[in-house]
Amino acid sequence: MKNHLIGFLMNFWISFSLALYFHSGEREEKCIIEDIPRDTLVIGNYKVQRWDIQRQDFLESAPGLGMIVTVKSPSAEVQLSKLYGPQGTFSFTSYLSGEHFICLQSNSTRLVALAGSKLRIHLDIRVGEHFLDESVVQAKDKVNELNIKLEHLIEQIHHISKEQTYEREREEKFRKTSEGTNSNIVWWAIVQTLILISIGIWQMKSLRDFFISKKLV
């Protein structure tokens, strides 16, 4: 029963990822934004398909076409910039919490006027993921297999704890910002009230002086 439960949990964690595809021009750079806690491993898998005009469909691969993967940290520092093939895997570890920009661009050398081919990029991003080596797992006996899965599950628990800490930090920052904004609103309301009272007193005094000067009172 315990083994089945751990297997279910492992399948759940391994399947959790951001998988998508998008279209891009041959020399166009496309970026996605990932909000990542610090000290977190990020693994990305991608595959590029090129549009075939004759077939009016995307080819299964794009031979000869490379992809430049660039990762920028929340401080705008380039954390990764590397040329890969039409299909590959990249990874990096965040050292700051916040929004990371993950950008992909083909290394096409054709002129801009001629580089009109459309690309389809499949991207699968796993945050805080440590893949299991299935060949190693299968080579071990049942006890060692269970230990490996337990270690992997513990890593995922640590990642969840790190995510929760990061969310608490964001909530605390948002709460302080909200409190500061509310405080400013209160003070601005007080200042507006004082200004209106001052204007009212000045108008009453002006009217009184006018009536006195005209001997109406």
N, C-alpha and C. Protein backbone atom coordinates (compact mmCIF):
# COMPACT_ATOMS: atom_id res chain seq x y z
N MET A 1 0.83 -1.21 0.00
CA MET A 1 0.00 0.00 0.00
C MET A 1 0.87 1.26 0.00
N LYS A 2 1.91 1.21 0.83
CA LYS A 2 2.80 2.36 0.92
C LYS A 2 3.51 2.59 -0.41
N ASN A 3 3.93 1.49 -1.03
CA ASN A 3 4.62 1.60 -2.31
C ASN A 3 3.71 2.20 -3.38
N HIS A 4 2.44 1.79 -3.40
CA HIS A 4 1.47 2.32 -4.37
C HIS A 4 1.24 3.81 -4.13
N LEU A 5 1.17 4.20 -2.83
CA LEU A 5 0.94 5.61 -2.50
C LEU A 5 2.09 6.46 -2.98
N ILE A 6 3.33 6.00 -2.74
CA ILE A 6 4.49 6.77 -3.17
C ILE A 6 4.54 6.84 -4.68
N GLY A 7 4.19 5.73 -5.35
CA GLY A 7 4.16 5.73 -6.81
C GLY A 7 3.19 6.75 -7.34
N PHE A 8 2.02 6.84 -6.69
CA PHE A 8 1.02 7.83 -7.12
C PHE A 8 1.55 9.24 -6.94
N LEU A 9 2.19 9.50 -5.78
CA LEU A 9 2.72 10.83 -5.53
C LEU A 9 3.83 11.16 -6.52
N MET A 10 4.68 10.18 -6.83
CA MET A 10 5.76 10.42 -7.77
C MET A 10 5.21 10.77 -9.15
N ASN A 11 4.19 10.05 -9.58
CA ASN A 11 3.58 10.34 -10.88
C ASN A 11 2.99 11.74 -10.89
N PHE A 12 2.43 12.14 -9.75
CA PHE A 12 1.83 13.47 -9.66
C PHE A 12 2.90 14.55 -9.80
N TRP A 13 4.02 14.41 -9.07
CA TRP A 13 5.04 15.45 -9.10
C TRP A 13 5.76 15.48 -10.44
N ILE A 14 6.03 14.30 -11.01
CA ILE A 14 6.76 14.27 -12.26
C ILE A 14 5.94 14.90 -13.38
N SER A 15 4.63 14.74 -13.32
CA SER A 15 3.79 15.26 -14.40
C SER A 15 3.51 16.74 -14.27
N PHE A 16 3.91 17.37 -13.15
CA PHE A 16 3.63 18.79 -12.96
C PHE A 16 4.67 19.61 -13.71
N SER A 17 4.23 20.37 -14.70
CA SER A 17 5.15 21.20 -15.46
C SER A 17 4.34 22.21 -16.27
N LEU A 18 5.06 23.17 -16.82
CA LEU A 18 4.45 24.15 -17.72
C LEU A 18 4.78 23.72 -19.14
N ALA A 19 3.82 23.13 -19.84
CA ALA A 19 4.03 22.65 -21.21
C ALA A 19 3.17 23.48 -22.15
N LEU A 20 3.77 23.99 -23.20
CA LEU A 20 3.04 24.83 -24.16
C LEU A 20 3.78 24.83 -25.48
N TYR A 21 3.15 25.40 -26.50
CA TYR A 21 3.84 25.68 -27.75
C TYR A 21 3.37 27.02 -28.27
N PHE A 22 4.23 27.67 -29.04
CA PHE A 22 3.89 28.98 -29.59
C PHE A 22 4.57 29.13 -30.94
N HIS A 23 4.08 30.07 -31.72
CA HIS A 23 4.62 30.32 -33.05
C HIS A 23 5.55 31.54 -33.01
N SER A 24 6.55 31.50 -33.84
CA SER A 24 7.53 32.58 -33.85
C SER A 24 8.09 32.73 -35.25
N GLY A 25 8.52 33.94 -35.58
CA GLY A 25 9.22 34.17 -36.83
C GLY A 25 10.61 33.56 -36.76
N GLU A 26 11.23 33.39 -37.91
CA GLU A 26 12.51 32.68 -37.95
C GLU A 26 13.61 33.41 -37.19
N ARG A 27 13.56 34.73 -37.16
CA ARG A 27 14.58 35.49 -36.42
C ARG A 27 13.96 36.31 -35.30
N GLU A 28 12.80 35.91 -34.88
CA GLU A 28 12.08 36.63 -33.83
C GLU A 28 12.38 36.00 -32.46
N GLU A 29 12.56 36.84 -31.47
CA GLU A 29 12.81 36.36 -30.11
C GLU A 29 11.49 36.36 -29.33
N LYS A 30 11.17 35.24 -28.70
CA LYS A 30 9.98 35.13 -27.88
C LYS A 30 10.40 34.77 -26.45
N CYS A 31 9.74 35.40 -25.48
CA CYS A 31 10.10 35.19 -24.08
C CYS A 31 8.86 34.80 -23.27
N ILE A 32 9.08 34.02 -22.24
CA ILE A 32 8.05 33.76 -21.25
C ILE A 32 8.60 34.19 -19.89
N ILE A 33 7.70 34.49 -18.98
CA ILE A 33 8.09 34.96 -17.64
C ILE A 33 7.68 33.91 -16.62
N GLU A 34 8.66 33.48 -15.81
CA GLU A 34 8.41 32.51 -14.76
C GLU A 34 8.76 33.14 -13.41
N ASP A 35 7.81 33.08 -12.47
CA ASP A 35 8.05 33.57 -11.12
C ASP A 35 8.66 32.43 -10.32
N ILE A 36 9.94 32.53 -9.99
CA ILE A 36 10.69 31.41 -9.43
C ILE A 36 11.32 31.81 -8.10
N PRO A 37 11.21 30.96 -7.07
CA PRO A 37 11.93 31.23 -5.81
C PRO A 37 13.43 31.08 -6.02
N ARG A 38 14.21 31.63 -5.12
CA ARG A 38 15.66 31.52 -5.24
C ARG A 38 16.12 30.10 -4.92
N ASP A 39 17.33 29.78 -5.40
CA ASP A 39 17.94 28.46 -5.18
C ASP A 39 17.04 27.33 -5.67
N THR A 40 16.43 27.55 -6.82
CA THR A 40 15.53 26.54 -7.40
C THR A 40 16.04 26.10 -8.77
N LEU A 41 16.08 24.80 -8.97
CA LEU A 41 16.51 24.26 -10.25
C LEU A 41 15.37 24.32 -11.26
N VAL A 42 15.66 24.81 -12.45
CA VAL A 42 14.69 24.90 -13.54
C VAL A 42 15.24 24.12 -14.73
N ILE A 43 14.43 23.21 -15.25
CA ILE A 43 14.83 22.40 -16.40
C ILE A 43 13.84 22.66 -17.53
N GLY A 44 14.35 22.95 -18.70
CA GLY A 44 13.50 23.22 -19.86
C GLY A 44 13.83 22.29 -21.02
N ASN A 45 12.80 21.76 -21.63
CA ASN A 45 12.94 20.95 -22.85
C ASN A 45 12.19 21.66 -23.97
N TYR A 46 12.78 21.70 -25.14
CA TYR A 46 12.12 22.36 -26.26
C TYR A 46 12.34 21.56 -27.55
N LYS A 47 11.47 21.83 -28.52
CA LYS A 47 11.58 21.23 -29.84
C LYS A 47 11.06 22.24 -30.85
N VAL A 48 11.76 22.39 -31.95
CA VAL A 48 11.40 23.38 -32.97
C VAL A 48 10.92 22.66 -34.22
N GLN A 49 9.80 23.15 -34.76
CA GLN A 49 9.29 22.66 -36.03
C GLN A 49 9.21 23.83 -37.02
N ARG A 50 9.63 23.56 -38.26
CA ARG A 50 9.61 24.63 -39.28
C ARG A 50 8.43 24.41 -40.24
N TRP A 51 7.83 25.52 -40.64
CA TRP A 51 6.69 25.47 -41.56
C TRP A 51 7.15 25.12 -42.97
N ASP A 52 6.47 24.16 -43.56
CA ASP A 52 6.76 23.75 -44.94
C ASP A 52 5.67 24.32 -45.86
N ILE A 53 6.09 25.21 -46.78
CA ILE A 53 5.12 25.87 -47.66
C ILE A 53 4.44 24.88 -48.58
N GLN A 54 5.20 23.94 -49.09
CA GLN A 54 4.63 22.96 -50.03
C GLN A 54 3.62 22.05 -49.34
N ARG A 55 3.96 21.57 -48.18
CA ARG A 55 3.05 20.67 -47.45
C ARG A 55 1.96 21.43 -46.70
N GLN A 56 2.19 22.72 -46.51
CA GLN A 56 1.25 23.53 -45.72
C GLN A 56 1.06 22.93 -44.33
N ASP A 57 2.18 22.55 -43.75
CA ASP A 57 2.16 21.95 -42.42
C ASP A 57 3.56 22.10 -41.81
N PHE A 58 3.64 21.87 -40.49
CA PHE A 58 4.93 21.95 -39.82
C PHE A 58 5.65 20.62 -39.95
N LEU A 59 6.95 20.69 -40.26
CA LEU A 59 7.77 19.49 -40.31
C LEU A 59 8.04 18.99 -38.90
N GLU A 60 8.36 17.71 -38.80
CA GLU A 60 8.61 17.12 -37.48
C GLU A 60 9.84 17.72 -36.82
N SER A 61 10.78 18.19 -37.59
CA SER A 61 12.00 18.77 -37.03
C SER A 61 12.46 19.92 -37.92
N ALA A 62 13.50 20.60 -37.48
CA ALA A 62 14.07 21.72 -38.24
C ALA A 62 15.57 21.52 -38.31
N PRO A 63 16.05 20.58 -39.11
CA PRO A 63 17.49 20.29 -39.17
C PRO A 63 18.29 21.50 -39.63
N GLY A 64 19.44 21.67 -38.99
CA GLY A 64 20.31 22.78 -39.34
C GLY A 64 19.96 24.08 -38.65
N LEU A 65 18.86 24.11 -37.94
CA LEU A 65 18.43 25.34 -37.27
C LEU A 65 18.71 25.22 -35.77
N GLY A 66 19.46 26.18 -35.23
CA GLY A 66 19.76 26.19 -33.81
C GLY A 66 18.92 27.19 -33.07
N MET A 67 18.86 27.05 -31.76
CA MET A 67 18.09 27.98 -30.91
C MET A 67 19.00 28.56 -29.85
N ILE A 68 18.95 29.87 -29.72
CA ILE A 68 19.69 30.57 -28.67
C ILE A 68 18.76 30.74 -27.48
N VAL A 69 19.12 30.14 -26.36
CA VAL A 69 18.32 30.23 -25.13
C VAL A 69 18.98 31.25 -24.21
N THR A 70 18.21 32.25 -23.81
CA THR A 70 18.72 33.29 -22.91
C THR A 70 17.82 33.37 -21.69
N VAL A 71 18.42 33.39 -20.52
CA VAL A 71 17.69 33.50 -19.26
C VAL A 71 18.18 34.74 -18.53
N LYS A 72 17.24 35.61 -18.15
CA LYS A 72 17.58 36.82 -17.41
C LYS A 72 16.95 36.76 -16.02
N SER A 73 17.74 37.13 -15.03
CA SER A 73 17.28 37.11 -13.64
C SER A 73 16.41 38.33 -13.36
N PRO A 74 15.76 38.39 -12.18
CA PRO A 74 14.95 39.57 -11.84
C PRO A 74 15.76 40.88 -11.83
N SER A 75 17.09 40.78 -11.67
CA SER A 75 17.92 41.98 -11.68
C SER A 75 18.42 42.31 -13.09
N ALA A 76 17.84 41.64 -14.11
CA ALA A 76 18.17 41.86 -15.53
C ALA A 76 19.55 41.34 -15.90
N GLU A 77 20.15 40.54 -15.04
CA GLU A 77 21.45 39.94 -15.35
C GLU A 77 21.24 38.68 -16.20
N VAL A 78 22.07 38.54 -17.23
CA VAL A 78 21.98 37.36 -18.10
C VAL A 78 22.57 36.16 -17.36
N GLN A 79 21.71 35.23 -17.02
CA GLN A 79 22.13 34.07 -16.25
C GLN A 79 22.52 32.90 -17.16
N LEU A 80 21.93 32.86 -18.34
CA LEU A 80 22.25 31.80 -19.29
C LEU A 80 22.07 32.35 -20.70
N SER A 81 23.04 32.08 -21.56
CA SER A 81 22.94 32.44 -22.98
C SER A 81 23.77 31.42 -23.75
N LYS A 82 23.07 30.51 -24.42
CA LYS A 82 23.76 29.39 -25.05
C LYS A 82 23.03 28.96 -26.31
N LEU A 83 23.80 28.49 -27.28
CA LEU A 83 23.25 28.00 -28.54
C LEU A 83 23.05 26.50 -28.46
N TYR A 84 21.82 26.06 -28.76
CA TYR A 84 21.49 24.64 -28.77
C TYR A 84 21.03 24.25 -30.18
N GLY A 85 20.72 22.99 -30.35
CA GLY A 85 20.22 22.50 -31.63
C GLY A 85 18.73 22.72 -31.76
N PRO A 86 18.09 22.13 -32.80
CA PRO A 86 16.64 22.29 -32.99
C PRO A 86 15.82 21.61 -31.91
N GLN A 87 16.43 20.77 -31.13
CA GLN A 87 15.76 20.12 -30.00
C GLN A 87 16.79 19.93 -28.89
N GLY A 88 16.42 20.30 -27.68
CA GLY A 88 17.41 20.19 -26.61
C GLY A 88 16.84 20.44 -25.24
N THR A 89 17.73 20.39 -24.26
CA THR A 89 17.39 20.60 -22.85
C THR A 89 18.35 21.62 -22.26
N PHE A 90 17.81 22.56 -21.51
CA PHE A 90 18.64 23.54 -20.82
C PHE A 90 18.22 23.57 -19.34
N SER A 91 19.11 24.05 -18.51
CA SER A 91 18.82 24.12 -17.08
C SER A 91 19.59 25.27 -16.44
N PHE A 92 19.05 25.78 -15.37
CA PHE A 92 19.72 26.81 -14.59
C PHE A 92 19.15 26.79 -13.18
N THR A 93 19.89 27.38 -12.25
CA THR A 93 19.45 27.49 -10.87
C THR A 93 19.30 28.96 -10.52
N SER A 94 18.14 29.33 -10.05
CA SER A 94 17.88 30.74 -9.71
C SER A 94 18.62 31.11 -8.43
N TYR A 95 19.16 32.31 -8.40
CA TYR A 95 19.82 32.80 -7.18
C TYR A 95 19.08 33.99 -6.58
N LEU A 96 18.02 34.43 -7.25
CA LEU A 96 17.16 35.49 -6.73
C LEU A 96 15.71 35.06 -6.90
N SER A 97 14.87 35.48 -5.98
CA SER A 97 13.43 35.23 -6.11
C SER A 97 12.82 36.31 -6.99
N GLY A 98 11.89 35.91 -7.85
CA GLY A 98 11.22 36.89 -8.68
C GLY A 98 11.00 36.40 -10.09
N GLU A 99 10.67 37.32 -10.98
CA GLU A 99 10.32 36.98 -12.36
C GLU A 99 11.58 36.80 -13.20
N HIS A 100 11.70 35.62 -13.79
CA HIS A 100 12.80 35.30 -14.68
C HIS A 100 12.29 35.28 -16.12
N PHE A 101 13.06 35.85 -17.02
CA PHE A 101 12.71 35.87 -18.44
C PHE A 101 13.47 34.75 -19.15
N ILE A 102 12.72 33.85 -19.79
CA ILE A 102 13.29 32.75 -20.55
C ILE A 102 12.97 33.01 -22.02
N CYS A 103 14.00 33.30 -22.80
CA CYS A 103 13.81 33.73 -24.19
C CYS A 103 14.45 32.73 -25.15
N LEU A 104 13.79 32.52 -26.29
CA LEU A 104 14.29 31.64 -27.34
C LEU A 104 14.28 32.38 -28.67
N GLN A 105 15.36 32.20 -29.43
CA GLN A 105 15.49 32.84 -30.74
C GLN A 105 16.34 31.94 -31.64
N SER A 106 15.91 31.76 -32.88
CA SER A 106 16.67 30.91 -33.80
C SER A 106 17.93 31.64 -34.25
N ASN A 107 18.91 30.86 -34.66
CA ASN A 107 20.18 31.43 -35.12
C ASN A 107 20.24 31.51 -36.64
N SER A 108 19.08 31.68 -37.27
CA SER A 108 19.01 31.76 -38.72
C SER A 108 19.92 32.87 -39.24
N THR A 109 20.67 32.59 -40.30
CA THR A 109 21.58 33.58 -40.88
C THR A 109 20.99 34.22 -42.14
N ARG A 110 19.74 33.87 -42.45
CA ARG A 110 19.13 34.46 -43.63
C ARG A 110 18.80 35.92 -43.39
N LEU A 111 18.72 36.69 -44.48
CA LEU A 111 18.37 38.10 -44.37
C LEU A 111 16.97 38.24 -43.78
N VAL A 112 16.75 39.36 -43.12
CA VAL A 112 15.45 39.59 -42.48
C VAL A 112 14.33 39.52 -43.50
N ALA A 113 14.59 40.04 -44.69
CA ALA A 113 13.55 40.04 -45.73
C ALA A 113 13.21 38.63 -46.19
N LEU A 114 14.19 37.71 -46.09
CA LEU A 114 13.97 36.35 -46.54
C LEU A 114 13.60 35.40 -45.41
N ALA A 115 13.88 35.82 -44.19
CA ALA A 115 13.64 34.94 -43.05
C ALA A 115 12.20 35.04 -42.60
N GLY A 116 11.30 34.61 -43.48
CA GLY A 116 9.88 34.72 -43.17
C GLY A 116 9.25 33.41 -42.77
N SER A 117 10.07 32.38 -42.63
CA SER A 117 9.54 31.07 -42.29
C SER A 117 8.99 31.08 -40.87
N LYS A 118 7.86 30.41 -40.70
CA LYS A 118 7.22 30.36 -39.38
C LYS A 118 7.71 29.13 -38.63
N LEU A 119 7.95 29.30 -37.35
CA LEU A 119 8.41 28.21 -36.50
C LEU A 119 7.38 27.92 -35.42
N ARG A 120 7.29 26.65 -35.06
CA ARG A 120 6.48 26.25 -33.91
C ARG A 120 7.43 25.70 -32.87
N ILE A 121 7.40 26.31 -31.68
CA ILE A 121 8.32 25.92 -30.61
C ILE A 121 7.53 25.27 -29.48
N HIS A 122 7.84 24.02 -29.21
CA HIS A 122 7.25 23.31 -28.09
C HIS A 122 8.18 23.49 -26.89
N LEU A 123 7.62 23.91 -25.77
CA LEU A 123 8.43 24.20 -24.59
C LEU A 123 7.81 23.57 -23.35
N ASP A 124 8.63 22.85 -22.62
CA ASP A 124 8.21 22.20 -21.38
C ASP A 124 9.17 22.63 -20.28
N ILE A 125 8.65 23.39 -19.30
CA ILE A 125 9.49 23.92 -18.23
C ILE A 125 9.09 23.27 -16.92
N ARG A 126 10.07 22.73 -16.22
CA ARG A 126 9.84 22.12 -14.92
C ARG A 126 10.61 22.91 -13.86
N VAL A 127 9.89 23.38 -12.87
CA VAL A 127 10.48 24.20 -11.81
C VAL A 127 10.66 23.34 -10.56
N GLY A 128 11.89 23.31 -10.06
CA GLY A 128 12.17 22.53 -8.86
C GLY A 128 12.13 21.04 -9.11
N GLU A 129 12.35 20.63 -10.35
CA GLU A 129 12.23 19.22 -10.72
C GLU A 129 13.59 18.56 -10.77
N HIS A 130 13.68 17.33 -10.28
CA HIS A 130 14.86 16.50 -10.40
C HIS A 130 14.40 15.19 -11.00
N PHE A 131 14.75 14.96 -12.27
CA PHE A 131 14.24 13.79 -12.96
C PHE A 131 14.87 12.51 -12.43
N LEU A 132 14.06 11.49 -12.37
CA LEU A 132 14.55 10.18 -11.98
C LEU A 132 15.18 9.49 -13.18
N ASP A 133 16.30 8.85 -12.96
CA ASP A 133 16.92 8.05 -13.99
C ASP A 133 16.28 6.67 -13.95
N GLU A 134 15.38 6.43 -14.91
CA GLU A 134 14.61 5.18 -14.90
C GLU A 134 15.49 3.95 -15.05
N SER A 135 16.61 4.09 -15.81
CA SER A 135 17.50 2.94 -15.98
C SER A 135 18.13 2.53 -14.66
N VAL A 136 18.44 3.56 -13.84
CA VAL A 136 19.01 3.26 -12.53
C VAL A 136 17.96 2.63 -11.62
N VAL A 137 16.74 3.17 -11.71
CA VAL A 137 15.68 2.64 -10.86
C VAL A 137 15.38 1.19 -11.20
N GLN A 138 15.34 0.86 -12.48
CA GLN A 138 15.01 -0.49 -12.88
C GLN A 138 16.11 -1.47 -12.53
N ALA A 139 17.35 -0.98 -12.44
CA ALA A 139 18.47 -1.86 -12.14
C ALA A 139 18.56 -2.20 -10.66
N LYS A 140 17.87 -1.48 -9.83
CA LYS A 140 17.92 -1.70 -8.39
C LYS A 140 16.82 -2.66 -7.98
N ASP A 141 16.99 -3.21 -6.78
CA ASP A 141 15.92 -4.05 -6.25
C ASP A 141 14.82 -3.16 -5.70
N LYS A 142 13.78 -3.80 -5.20
CA LYS A 142 12.60 -3.05 -4.76
C LYS A 142 12.90 -2.11 -3.61
N VAL A 143 13.78 -2.51 -2.70
CA VAL A 143 14.10 -1.66 -1.54
C VAL A 143 14.81 -0.40 -2.01
N ASN A 144 15.82 -0.56 -2.86
CA ASN A 144 16.55 0.61 -3.35
C ASN A 144 15.65 1.51 -4.20
N GLU A 145 14.76 0.90 -4.97
CA GLU A 145 13.82 1.68 -5.78
C GLU A 145 12.94 2.54 -4.88
N LEU A 146 12.50 1.96 -3.78
CA LEU A 146 11.67 2.71 -2.84
C LEU A 146 12.45 3.84 -2.21
N ASN A 147 13.74 3.59 -1.89
CA ASN A 147 14.58 4.63 -1.30
C ASN A 147 14.79 5.79 -2.27
N ILE A 148 15.02 5.45 -3.53
CA ILE A 148 15.23 6.50 -4.54
C ILE A 148 13.98 7.36 -4.68
N LYS A 149 12.83 6.71 -4.71
CA LYS A 149 11.58 7.46 -4.83
C LYS A 149 11.32 8.31 -3.60
N LEU A 150 11.68 7.79 -2.42
CA LEU A 150 11.51 8.56 -1.19
C LEU A 150 12.41 9.80 -1.21
N GLU A 151 13.66 9.62 -1.66
CA GLU A 151 14.57 10.76 -1.74
C GLU A 151 14.03 11.81 -2.71
N HIS A 152 13.50 11.34 -3.82
CA HIS A 152 12.93 12.27 -4.80
C HIS A 152 11.71 12.99 -4.22
N LEU A 153 10.91 12.28 -3.48
CA LEU A 153 9.73 12.88 -2.85
C LEU A 153 10.14 13.90 -1.80
N ILE A 154 11.20 13.62 -1.06
CA ILE A 154 11.69 14.57 -0.05
C ILE A 154 12.17 15.85 -0.73
N GLU A 155 12.85 15.70 -1.88
CA GLU A 155 13.27 16.88 -2.63
C GLU A 155 12.08 17.73 -3.05
N GLN A 156 11.02 17.07 -3.46
CA GLN A 156 9.82 17.80 -3.86
C GLN A 156 9.18 18.51 -2.67
N ILE A 157 9.20 17.87 -1.50
CA ILE A 157 8.66 18.49 -0.29
C ILE A 157 9.46 19.74 0.05
N HIS A 158 10.80 19.64 -0.07
CA HIS A 158 11.64 20.81 0.18
C HIS A 158 11.31 21.93 -0.79
N HIS A 159 11.04 21.57 -2.04
CA HIS A 159 10.70 22.58 -3.04
C HIS A 159 9.36 23.25 -2.69
N ILE A 160 8.40 22.46 -2.25
CA ILE A 160 7.10 23.02 -1.87
C ILE A 160 7.28 23.97 -0.68
N SER A 161 8.11 23.57 0.28
CA SER A 161 8.37 24.43 1.43
C SER A 161 9.01 25.74 1.00
N LYS A 162 9.93 25.64 0.03
CA LYS A 162 10.58 26.85 -0.48
C LYS A 162 9.57 27.74 -1.20
N GLU A 163 8.66 27.13 -1.96
CA GLU A 163 7.61 27.89 -2.64
C GLU A 163 6.72 28.60 -1.63
N GLN A 164 6.37 27.91 -0.55
CA GLN A 164 5.51 28.51 0.47
C GLN A 164 6.20 29.69 1.14
N THR A 165 7.50 29.53 1.42
CA THR A 165 8.26 30.63 2.02
C THR A 165 8.28 31.84 1.09
N TYR A 166 8.48 31.58 -0.19
CA TYR A 166 8.50 32.66 -1.18
C TYR A 166 7.15 33.36 -1.26
N GLU A 167 6.07 32.57 -1.24
CA GLU A 167 4.73 33.17 -1.29
C GLU A 167 4.46 34.01 -0.05
N ARG A 168 4.94 33.52 1.11
CA ARG A 168 4.76 34.32 2.34
C ARG A 168 5.52 35.64 2.23
N GLU A 169 6.73 35.60 1.66
CA GLU A 169 7.50 36.83 1.48
C GLU A 169 6.76 37.80 0.55
N ARG A 170 6.18 37.26 -0.52
CA ARG A 170 5.43 38.12 -1.43
C ARG A 170 4.20 38.70 -0.76
N GLU A 171 3.49 37.89 0.04
CA GLU A 171 2.31 38.38 0.74
C GLU A 171 2.69 39.46 1.75
N GLU A 172 3.82 39.28 2.43
CA GLU A 172 4.27 40.27 3.40
C GLU A 172 4.62 41.59 2.71
N LYS A 173 5.28 41.47 1.55
CA LYS A 173 5.62 42.67 0.79
C LYS A 173 4.37 43.37 0.29
N PHE A 174 3.41 42.59 -0.19
CA PHE A 174 2.15 43.17 -0.68
C PHE A 174 1.38 43.82 0.47
N ARG A 175 1.40 43.17 1.65
CA ARG A 175 0.69 43.73 2.81
C ARG A 175 1.29 45.07 3.22
N LYS A 176 2.63 45.14 3.25
CA LYS A 176 3.28 46.41 3.63
C LYS A 176 2.99 47.49 2.60
N THR A 177 2.98 47.11 1.32
CA THR A 177 2.65 48.09 0.28
C THR A 177 1.22 48.59 0.43
N SER A 178 0.30 47.65 0.72
CA SER A 178 -1.11 48.04 0.90
C SER A 178 -1.28 48.93 2.11
N GLU A 179 -0.59 48.59 3.20
CA GLU A 179 -0.69 49.42 4.41
C GLU A 179 -0.13 50.82 4.15
N GLY A 180 0.99 50.88 3.42
CA GLY A 180 1.57 52.18 3.10
C GLY A 180 0.63 53.01 2.23
N THR A 181 0.01 52.34 1.25
CA THR A 181 -0.93 53.04 0.37
C THR A 181 -2.15 53.53 1.15
N ASN A 182 -2.69 52.67 2.02
CA ASN A 182 -3.85 53.07 2.83
C ASN A 182 -3.51 54.23 3.75
N SER A 183 -2.29 54.19 4.32
CA SER A 183 -1.87 55.28 5.20
C SER A 183 -1.77 56.59 4.42
N ASN A 184 -1.23 56.51 3.21
CA ASN A 184 -1.13 57.73 2.38
C ASN A 184 -2.51 58.26 2.01
N ILE A 185 -3.45 57.35 1.75
CA ILE A 185 -4.81 57.77 1.41
C ILE A 185 -5.45 58.49 2.59
N VAL A 186 -5.24 57.95 3.80
CA VAL A 186 -5.82 58.58 5.00
C VAL A 186 -5.25 59.99 5.19
N TRP A 187 -3.93 60.11 5.08
CA TRP A 187 -3.31 61.43 5.26
C TRP A 187 -3.75 62.40 4.17
N TRP A 188 -3.90 61.91 2.94
CA TRP A 188 -4.35 62.78 1.86
C TRP A 188 -5.79 63.25 2.11
N ALA A 189 -6.63 62.36 2.66
CA ALA A 189 -8.00 62.74 2.99
C ALA A 189 -8.02 63.81 4.08
N ILE A 190 -7.12 63.65 5.08
CA ILE A 190 -7.04 64.65 6.16
C ILE A 190 -6.59 66.00 5.60
N VAL A 191 -5.59 65.97 4.71
CA VAL A 191 -5.10 67.22 4.11
C VAL A 191 -6.20 67.88 3.29
N GLN A 192 -6.94 67.08 2.51
CA GLN A 192 -8.04 67.64 1.72
C GLN A 192 -9.10 68.27 2.61
N THR A 193 -9.42 67.60 3.72
CA THR A 193 -10.42 68.14 4.66
C THR A 193 -9.95 69.47 5.24
N LEU A 194 -8.67 69.53 5.64
CA LEU A 194 -8.14 70.77 6.21
C LEU A 194 -8.16 71.90 5.18
N ILE A 195 -7.84 71.54 3.92
CA ILE A 195 -7.86 72.56 2.85
C ILE A 195 -9.28 73.09 2.65
N LEU A 196 -10.27 72.17 2.62
CA LEU A 196 -11.66 72.59 2.44
C LEU A 196 -12.13 73.46 3.60
N ILE A 197 -11.76 73.06 4.82
CA ILE A 197 -12.15 73.88 6.00
C ILE A 197 -11.50 75.26 5.91
N SER A 198 -10.22 75.30 5.54
CA SER A 198 -9.52 76.59 5.43
C SER A 198 -10.18 77.47 4.37
N ILE A 199 -10.53 76.85 3.22
CA ILE A 199 -11.19 77.63 2.16
C ILE A 199 -12.55 78.14 2.63
N GLY A 200 -13.28 77.30 3.37
CA GLY A 200 -14.59 77.73 3.88
C GLY A 200 -14.46 78.89 4.85
N ILE A 201 -13.46 78.80 5.77
CA ILE A 201 -13.26 79.90 6.73
C ILE A 201 -12.86 81.18 5.99
N TRP A 202 -11.99 81.02 4.99
CA TRP A 202 -11.56 82.21 4.25
C TRP A 202 -12.72 82.84 3.49
N GLN A 203 -13.60 82.03 2.90
CA GLN A 203 -14.75 82.56 2.18
C GLN A 203 -15.72 83.27 3.13
N MET A 204 -15.93 82.67 4.31
CA MET A 204 -16.82 83.32 5.28
C MET A 204 -16.25 84.65 5.74
N LYS A 205 -14.94 84.70 5.98
CA LYS A 205 -14.30 85.95 6.40
C LYS A 205 -14.38 87.00 5.29
N SER A 206 -14.18 86.54 4.04
CA SER A 206 -14.24 87.48 2.92
C SER A 206 -15.64 88.06 2.77
N LEU A 207 -16.66 87.18 2.89
CA LEU A 207 -18.04 87.66 2.81
C LEU A 207 -18.35 88.63 3.95
N ARG A 208 -17.89 88.31 5.14
CA ARG A 208 -18.16 89.18 6.30
C ARG A 208 -17.51 90.55 6.09
N ASP A 209 -16.26 90.56 5.62
CA ASP A 209 -15.58 91.84 5.38
C ASP A 209 -16.28 92.62 4.27
N PHE A 210 -16.82 91.88 3.25
CA PHE A 210 -17.52 92.56 2.16
C PHE A 210 -18.80 93.21 2.66
N PHE A 211 -19.56 92.48 3.47
CA PHE A 211 -20.80 93.04 4.00
C PHE A 211 -20.52 94.23 4.92
N ILE A 212 -19.46 94.14 5.71
CA ILE A 212 -19.11 95.24 6.62
C ILE A 212 -18.72 96.47 5.79
N SER A 213 -17.92 96.26 4.74
CA SER A 213 -17.48 97.38 3.92
C SER A 213 -18.65 98.06 3.21
N LYS A 214 -19.66 97.30 2.88
CA LYS A 214 -20.85 97.82 2.21
C LYS A 214 -21.91 98.29 3.20
N LYS A 215 -21.59 98.18 4.51
CA LYS A 215 -22.47 98.58 5.58
C LYS A 215 -23.81 97.85 5.51
N LEU A 216 -23.71 96.57 5.14
CA LEU A 216 -24.91 95.77 5.07
C LEU A 216 -25.19 95.06 6.38
N VAL A 217 -24.22 95.07 7.27
CA VAL A 217 -24.41 94.46 8.58
C VAL A 217 -23.96 95.43 9.65
